[in-house]
């Protein structure tokens, strides 16, 4: 029920001045898309993030610092 109310509010906002059936259809479509599409979209984003982390780790990227930032060896 809350999804339908949220869909109606979003649809009315998207439709703007031309509200009516168009806003109701847009709201229904947004609610259906959110219900069915956010789970797979989140899974794809999580897999992509994990793959990038693994790729970076395997490449062995060590952070590079300027030579001024490294401590100099003790003199003496």
N, C-alpha and C. Protein backbone atom coordinates (compact mmCIF):
# COMPACT_ATOMS: atom_id res chain seq x y z
N UNK A 1 0.82 -1.18 0.00
CA UNK A 1 0.00 0.00 0.00
C UNK A 1 0.87 1.26 0.00
N UNK A 2 1.93 1.25 0.78
CA UNK A 2 2.80 2.42 0.81
C UNK A 2 3.48 2.63 -0.54
N UNK A 3 3.79 1.53 -1.23
CA UNK A 3 4.39 1.64 -2.55
C UNK A 3 3.46 2.31 -3.55
N UNK A 4 2.18 2.01 -3.44
CA UNK A 4 1.21 2.64 -4.35
C UNK A 4 1.07 4.12 -4.06
N UNK A 5 1.09 4.47 -2.78
CA UNK A 5 0.99 5.89 -2.42
C UNK A 5 2.25 6.63 -2.88
N UNK A 6 3.40 6.03 -2.63
CA UNK A 6 4.64 6.66 -3.07
C UNK A 6 4.68 6.77 -4.59
N UNK A 7 4.20 5.74 -5.29
CA UNK A 7 4.15 5.79 -6.75
C UNK A 7 3.24 6.89 -7.25
N UNK A 8 2.12 7.07 -6.58
CA UNK A 8 1.20 8.13 -6.98
C UNK A 8 1.83 9.51 -6.77
N UNK A 9 2.53 9.69 -5.65
CA UNK A 9 3.18 10.97 -5.40
C UNK A 9 4.29 11.24 -6.40
N UNK A 10 5.08 10.22 -6.70
CA UNK A 10 6.16 10.38 -7.68
C UNK A 10 5.58 10.65 -9.07
N UNK A 11 4.53 9.93 -9.42
CA UNK A 11 3.89 10.13 -10.72
C UNK A 11 3.33 11.52 -10.87
N UNK A 12 2.72 12.04 -9.80
CA UNK A 12 2.16 13.39 -9.87
C UNK A 12 3.30 14.40 -10.02
N UNK A 13 4.40 14.14 -9.35
CA UNK A 13 5.54 15.06 -9.44
C UNK A 13 6.16 15.03 -10.84
N UNK A 14 6.30 13.83 -11.41
CA UNK A 14 6.89 13.70 -12.75
C UNK A 14 5.98 14.32 -13.80
N UNK A 15 4.69 14.08 -13.67
CA UNK A 15 3.74 14.58 -14.68
C UNK A 15 3.66 16.10 -14.66
N UNK A 16 3.84 16.69 -13.50
CA UNK A 16 3.82 18.15 -13.40
C UNK A 16 2.45 18.72 -13.69
N UNK A 17 2.39 19.70 -14.56
CA UNK A 17 1.12 20.37 -14.86
C UNK A 17 0.16 19.47 -15.60
N UNK A 18 0.66 18.52 -16.33
CA UNK A 18 -0.18 17.67 -17.16
C UNK A 18 -0.59 16.42 -16.38
N UNK A 19 -1.12 16.62 -15.20
CA UNK A 19 -1.48 15.48 -14.36
C UNK A 19 -2.73 14.81 -14.90
N UNK A 20 -3.17 13.81 -14.23
CA UNK A 20 -4.32 13.03 -14.66
C UNK A 20 -3.90 11.60 -14.90
N UNK A 21 -4.36 11.04 -15.99
CA UNK A 21 -4.05 9.63 -16.29
C UNK A 21 -2.55 9.45 -16.54
N UNK A 22 -1.92 10.43 -17.14
CA UNK A 22 -0.48 10.31 -17.41
C UNK A 22 0.31 10.18 -16.11
N UNK A 23 -0.01 11.00 -15.12
CA UNK A 23 0.67 10.94 -13.84
C UNK A 23 0.42 9.63 -13.13
N UNK A 24 -0.81 9.12 -13.21
CA UNK A 24 -1.14 7.85 -12.57
C UNK A 24 -0.37 6.70 -13.23
N UNK A 25 -0.29 6.72 -14.55
CA UNK A 25 0.45 5.67 -15.26
C UNK A 25 1.95 5.74 -14.96
N UNK A 26 2.49 6.95 -14.92
CA UNK A 26 3.90 7.10 -14.58
C UNK A 26 4.17 6.64 -13.16
N UNK A 27 3.28 6.97 -12.24
CA UNK A 27 3.45 6.55 -10.86
C UNK A 27 3.38 5.04 -10.71
N UNK A 28 2.47 4.42 -11.42
CA UNK A 28 2.37 2.97 -11.38
C UNK A 28 3.62 2.33 -11.97
N UNK A 29 4.12 2.90 -13.06
CA UNK A 29 5.33 2.37 -13.70
C UNK A 29 6.55 2.52 -12.81
N UNK A 30 6.68 3.66 -12.15
CA UNK A 30 7.81 3.88 -11.25
C UNK A 30 7.76 2.92 -10.07
N UNK A 31 6.57 2.72 -9.51
CA UNK A 31 6.43 1.80 -8.38
C UNK A 31 6.74 0.37 -8.81
N UNK A 32 6.28 -0.04 -9.99
CA UNK A 32 6.55 -1.40 -10.47
C UNK A 32 8.03 -1.57 -10.77
N UNK A 33 8.64 -0.56 -11.35
CA UNK A 33 10.08 -0.62 -11.65
C UNK A 33 10.90 -0.71 -10.36
N UNK A 34 10.53 0.07 -9.37
CA UNK A 34 11.24 0.04 -8.10
C UNK A 34 11.07 -1.32 -7.43
N UNK A 35 9.90 -1.89 -7.51
CA UNK A 35 9.63 -3.17 -6.87
C UNK A 35 10.42 -4.29 -7.54
N UNK A 36 10.50 -4.26 -8.84
CA UNK A 36 11.14 -5.36 -9.56
C UNK A 36 12.59 -5.07 -9.96
N UNK A 37 12.95 -3.82 -10.10
CA UNK A 37 14.24 -3.50 -10.68
C UNK A 37 15.35 -3.14 -9.71
N UNK A 38 15.01 -2.72 -8.51
CA UNK A 38 16.06 -2.26 -7.61
C UNK A 38 16.90 -3.40 -7.05
N UNK A 39 16.32 -4.55 -6.84
CA UNK A 39 17.08 -5.70 -6.34
C UNK A 39 18.17 -6.12 -7.31
N UNK A 40 17.82 -6.42 -8.56
CA UNK A 40 18.85 -6.79 -9.53
C UNK A 40 19.85 -5.66 -9.80
N UNK A 41 19.38 -4.43 -9.80
CA UNK A 41 20.29 -3.30 -10.02
C UNK A 41 21.30 -3.19 -8.88
N UNK A 42 20.85 -3.37 -7.66
CA UNK A 42 21.76 -3.34 -6.52
C UNK A 42 22.74 -4.51 -6.58
N UNK A 43 22.28 -5.67 -7.01
CA UNK A 43 23.17 -6.83 -7.13
C UNK A 43 24.25 -6.58 -8.18
N UNK A 44 23.88 -6.01 -9.29
CA UNK A 44 24.85 -5.71 -10.35
C UNK A 44 25.87 -4.68 -9.86
N UNK A 45 25.39 -3.67 -9.14
CA UNK A 45 26.31 -2.65 -8.62
C UNK A 45 27.26 -3.25 -7.60
N UNK A 46 26.76 -4.13 -6.74
CA UNK A 46 27.62 -4.76 -5.73
C UNK A 46 28.65 -5.67 -6.38
N UNK A 47 28.25 -6.42 -7.39
CA UNK A 47 29.19 -7.30 -8.09
C UNK A 47 30.26 -6.47 -8.81
N UNK A 48 29.85 -5.38 -9.44
CA UNK A 48 30.82 -4.50 -10.11
C UNK A 48 31.81 -3.89 -9.14
N UNK A 49 31.32 -3.46 -7.98
CA UNK A 49 32.20 -2.88 -6.97
C UNK A 49 33.19 -3.93 -6.47
N UNK A 50 32.70 -5.13 -6.21
CA UNK A 50 33.57 -6.20 -5.74
C UNK A 50 34.60 -6.59 -6.78
N UNK A 51 34.19 -6.62 -8.05
CA UNK A 51 35.11 -6.97 -9.13
C UNK A 51 36.22 -5.92 -9.26
N UNK A 52 35.87 -4.65 -9.11
CA UNK A 52 36.88 -3.60 -9.19
C UNK A 52 37.85 -3.70 -8.03
N UNK A 53 37.34 -3.97 -6.83
CA UNK A 53 38.22 -4.13 -5.67
C UNK A 53 39.18 -5.29 -5.88
N UNK A 54 38.67 -6.40 -6.39
CA UNK A 54 39.51 -7.57 -6.64
C UNK A 54 40.54 -7.26 -7.71
N UNK A 55 40.14 -6.57 -8.76
CA UNK A 55 41.05 -6.20 -9.84
C UNK A 55 42.17 -5.31 -9.32
N UNK A 56 41.81 -4.32 -8.52
CA UNK A 56 42.82 -3.43 -7.96
C UNK A 56 43.77 -4.18 -7.04
N UNK A 57 43.26 -5.09 -6.25
CA UNK A 57 44.10 -5.84 -5.33
C UNK A 57 45.06 -6.75 -6.10
N UNK A 58 44.56 -7.37 -7.16
CA UNK A 58 45.41 -8.28 -7.93
C UNK A 58 46.49 -7.53 -8.71
N UNK A 59 46.21 -6.32 -9.12
CA UNK A 59 47.22 -5.53 -9.82
C UNK A 59 48.30 -5.06 -8.87
N UNK A 60 48.05 -5.13 -7.59
CA UNK A 60 49.04 -4.75 -6.60
C UNK A 60 49.32 -3.27 -6.58
N UNK A 61 48.28 -2.52 -6.72
CA UNK A 61 48.47 -1.07 -6.71
C UNK A 61 48.88 -0.62 -5.31
N UNK A 62 50.09 -0.20 -5.20
CA UNK A 62 50.53 0.41 -3.96
C UNK A 62 50.37 1.91 -4.11
N UNK A 63 49.95 2.58 -3.06
CA UNK A 63 49.81 4.02 -3.19
C UNK A 63 51.15 4.67 -3.44
N UNK A 64 51.18 5.60 -4.35
CA UNK A 64 52.43 6.28 -4.67
C UNK A 64 52.42 7.65 -3.99
N UNK A 65 53.50 7.94 -3.34
CA UNK A 65 53.63 9.20 -2.63
C UNK A 65 54.78 9.99 -3.26
N UNK A 66 54.72 11.30 -3.19
CA UNK A 66 55.83 12.09 -3.69
C UNK A 66 57.08 11.87 -2.82
N UNK A 67 58.24 12.05 -3.40
CA UNK A 67 59.48 11.80 -2.67
C UNK A 67 59.62 12.73 -1.47
N UNK A 68 58.98 13.88 -1.50
CA UNK A 68 59.07 14.80 -0.36
C UNK A 68 58.33 14.24 0.85
N UNK A 69 57.34 13.40 0.64
CA UNK A 69 56.53 12.92 1.74
C UNK A 69 57.19 11.78 2.48
N UNK A 70 58.13 11.09 1.85
CA UNK A 70 58.80 9.97 2.50
C UNK A 70 59.86 10.49 3.46
N UNK A 71 59.98 9.85 4.62
CA UNK A 71 61.03 10.30 5.55
C UNK A 71 62.41 9.97 5.01
N UNK A 72 63.32 10.85 5.21
CA UNK A 72 64.69 10.61 4.72
C UNK A 72 65.43 9.73 5.72
N UNK A 73 66.38 8.96 5.24
CA UNK A 73 67.14 8.09 6.16
C UNK A 73 67.96 8.91 7.13
N UNK A 74 68.17 8.36 8.30
CA UNK A 74 68.93 9.15 9.31
C UNK A 74 70.38 9.37 8.84
N UNK A 75 70.84 10.56 9.08
CA UNK A 75 72.21 10.91 8.70
C UNK A 75 73.12 10.70 9.89
N UNK A 76 74.23 10.12 9.65
CA UNK A 76 75.14 10.07 10.75
C UNK A 76 75.87 8.85 10.90
